[in-house]
Amino acid sequence: MSEPWTPRRPTALLVLADGTIIEGDGIGAEGSAVGEVCFNTSLTGYQEILTDPSYARQIVTFTFPHIGNVGANDEDVEDLVPENSVGAVGAVFRAEVSAPSNYRSAGGLDAWLKSRGVVAISGVDTRALTALIRENGMPNAVIAHAPDGVFDRDALLAQARGWSGLVGLDLAKDAASSRTEVWTEGPWNWDRGYGAHENPNYTIVAIDYGTKRNILRLMSGHGARVVIVPPDATAAEIMAHKPDGIFLSNGPGDPAATAEYAAPVIAELARTGTPIFGICLGHQLLALALGGRTVKMHQGHHGANHPVKDFTTGKVEIVSMNHGFAVDPASLPSSVEQTHVSLFDGTNCGLRVAGQPVFSVQHHPEASPGPQDSHYLFQRFFDLIDEHRATRSAA
């Protein structure tokens, strides 16, 4: 038995590539994981955040201090194949995770993190870590958890410094489904769970680069039969489903790397005249297909409280965001109009093609977690589909 004054040995480390070593208490999976450290300012929705495939190869620092208090359940998972555990590889918390207290809880956060292989650390001054990221950018790091507190710190530092980072990485094929399937689950209803649309009025082909479930649910809720196809599906394979609309999903990694095979397909699809809607990575890939370029951001946008202005309505909405790359608006051709902009830093958050039913946004209008200010964008997509249908019928 240790003496009362014996120093407590840390059971988890966050080792940054610059040599900074942050000590804390380990929870979740044992072992180590390498990734890019970002911070998320959301107050709720930690399950949805950690299972968002866009966070692949990232370590999420939660600025809200109390994470895990409502436990975990099977409904708040956003990746398509939970057993593949596509999402964040690590998590950083301020406070110790307490026992769950929520009527929807099916278990504690610690056990849930273990089941997904997510390495986590608590007891960290997350405000200081957030300030470091804001000042120096998102660092490469290794997060490690060892219950006995024994670490090879030199080896962990070497691993952090040896990782190439996200630039140049195509992670869409790792995060996406490898097969074609039909999605039928609808939006969540309080105390009833997820519904299903039995008589769809539209067929939407969703190109899966690492999509979130709630995007598919909201499209289903608009009366759509959603056909999910892999990220490397050809234009001919996509059009064979006779889509009323095409959706370009969110996803992880460097958009320029994924665009090597995705951009030519998207450009071909745009020439068909079929309505196209893109979100997050899908927005970036559309911009690249149209001749634009993307850039790595200093600290990225991660949270559910970001103000964005929609120039087409003149309104400001509060949105969810999760991206570390951005579209350079100056690189867009004259035929492409910027429709949305971040009021935090002026970065591009939306575009549309003049004279075509093609548009996209950088933020996440499906939320999950976050505000529902941008749900209207799904209606905008289906309005374009209705207009396109009417034009074809008149012809």
Foldseek 3Di string as FASTA:
>chain_A
DDDPPDDDFFQKWKAFLVGDIFGFHKFFAAFKAKAWEAEAAAQDQPQLQQQQLQQARYEYEYPHAAPFQQADDDQLHWAPDQQLLRGHQEYEHEADHDFHDHPRHPHTPRVVSNSSNHIYGYNTPSVVVNVVCVVFFTTIIMMHGHPVNDDPSVVRNCVSNPDPHQVLDQCQQVQWDAAKDKDFWADQDPPPGIDGQDQAPFEEEEARSRATPLVVRLLNVVRYTYIYHYNQDALVRRCVVVGLEYEYGAHYGDLVNSLVRRLVRLLVVQVVLRAYEYEASRQQSPQVSQFWHKDFARRFFAYAAWWKAFQVVRDIDGFGADDGMATDVVRGDPQKDQGMATPVPGTGFKIDGPPGNYMYGNTDCSPSPYDNRNSCVSVSRVVNSVVVVVVVVVD
